[in-house]
Amino acid sequence: MHRVFVANASFDRLDYWLHHPRSVADLEAMGEALRPGVRVILFGSGSQEQPARLEFQEEVNCWVAYPV
């Protein structure tokens, strides 16, 4: 699984992993479906799942997951 940023007030929380899609390769394989606002599932410690949406943040050059 690929670790992603989960946005919060301090913008540094890293305790969730991208569960679906499972990897950067899977993200790239989404093709046109990979766009700002796409829904994903995050997997956290204690086996908890968290729906989220992805947004690309040019400032940090990565996808950021915003829990919904």
Protein backbone atom coordinates (compact mmCIF):
# COMPACT_ATOMS: atom_id res chain seq x y z
CA MET A 1 0.00 0.00 0.00
CA HIS A 2 1.13 3.52 -0.65
CA ARG A 3 1.39 6.00 2.20
CA VAL A 4 -0.35 9.31 1.54
CA PHE A 5 -0.74 12.58 3.33
CA VAL A 6 -4.02 12.97 5.16
CA ALA A 7 -4.86 16.62 5.51
CA ASN A 8 -5.47 18.06 8.94
CA ALA A 9 -4.75 21.33 10.70
CA SER A 10 -1.01 20.71 10.87
CA PHE A 11 -0.81 19.00 7.42
CA ASP A 12 1.55 16.33 8.73
CA ARG A 13 -0.58 13.31 9.65
CA LEU A 14 0.71 10.13 8.04
CA ASP A 15 -1.14 7.36 9.85
CA TYR A 16 -3.35 6.23 6.98
CA TRP A 17 -2.37 4.21 3.92
CA LEU A 18 -4.00 4.23 0.54
CA HIS A 19 -6.07 1.04 0.50
CA HIS A 20 -7.90 1.36 -2.80
CA PRO A 21 -6.21 1.81 -5.17
CA ARG A 22 -3.37 -0.08 -3.48
CA SER A 23 -0.26 1.47 -5.06
CA VAL A 24 1.18 4.31 -7.08
CA ALA A 25 1.07 2.00 -10.12
CA ASP A 26 -2.65 1.45 -9.50
CA LEU A 27 -3.12 5.22 -9.23
CA GLU A 28 -1.37 5.70 -12.57
CA ALA A 29 -3.40 2.86 -14.09
CA MET A 30 -6.57 4.80 -13.29
CA GLY A 31 -5.69 7.03 -16.25
CA GLU A 32 -8.31 9.71 -16.76
CA ALA A 33 -10.20 8.51 -13.68
CA LEU A 34 -7.32 9.89 -11.57
CA ARG A 35 -8.44 13.47 -11.23
CA PRO A 36 -8.97 15.93 -8.42
CA GLY A 37 -11.87 14.84 -6.23
CA VAL A 38 -11.65 11.12 -7.03
CA ARG A 39 -12.92 8.97 -4.13
CA VAL A 40 -10.56 6.47 -2.48
CA ILE A 41 -10.52 4.31 0.63
CA LEU A 42 -7.82 4.84 3.27
CA PHE A 43 -6.75 2.12 5.67
CA GLY A 44 -5.57 3.15 9.13
CA SER A 45 -4.06 1.61 12.20
CA GLY A 46 -6.45 -0.76 13.93
CA SER A 47 -7.85 -1.85 10.54
CA GLN A 48 -10.13 1.16 10.27
CA GLU A 49 -11.21 2.33 6.83
CA GLN A 50 -11.80 5.98 5.97
CA PRO A 51 -13.40 7.22 2.75
CA ALA A 52 -11.51 10.16 1.29
CA ARG A 53 -11.08 12.22 -1.84
CA LEU A 54 -7.77 12.90 -3.54
CA GLU A 55 -6.49 16.32 -4.54
CA PHE A 56 -3.12 17.01 -6.14
CA GLN A 57 -1.12 19.60 -4.24
CA GLU A 58 1.46 21.19 -6.51
CA GLU A 59 3.18 22.82 -3.53
CA VAL A 60 4.29 19.44 -2.21
CA ASN A 61 4.09 17.57 -5.55
CA CYS A 62 1.90 14.74 -4.28
CA TRP A 63 -1.67 13.58 -3.92
CA VAL A 64 -3.30 14.49 -0.62
CA ALA A 65 -6.25 12.55 0.79
CA TYR A 66 -9.02 14.57 2.42
CA PRO A 67 -11.29 12.44 4.62
CA VAL A 68 -14.99 12.77 3.79
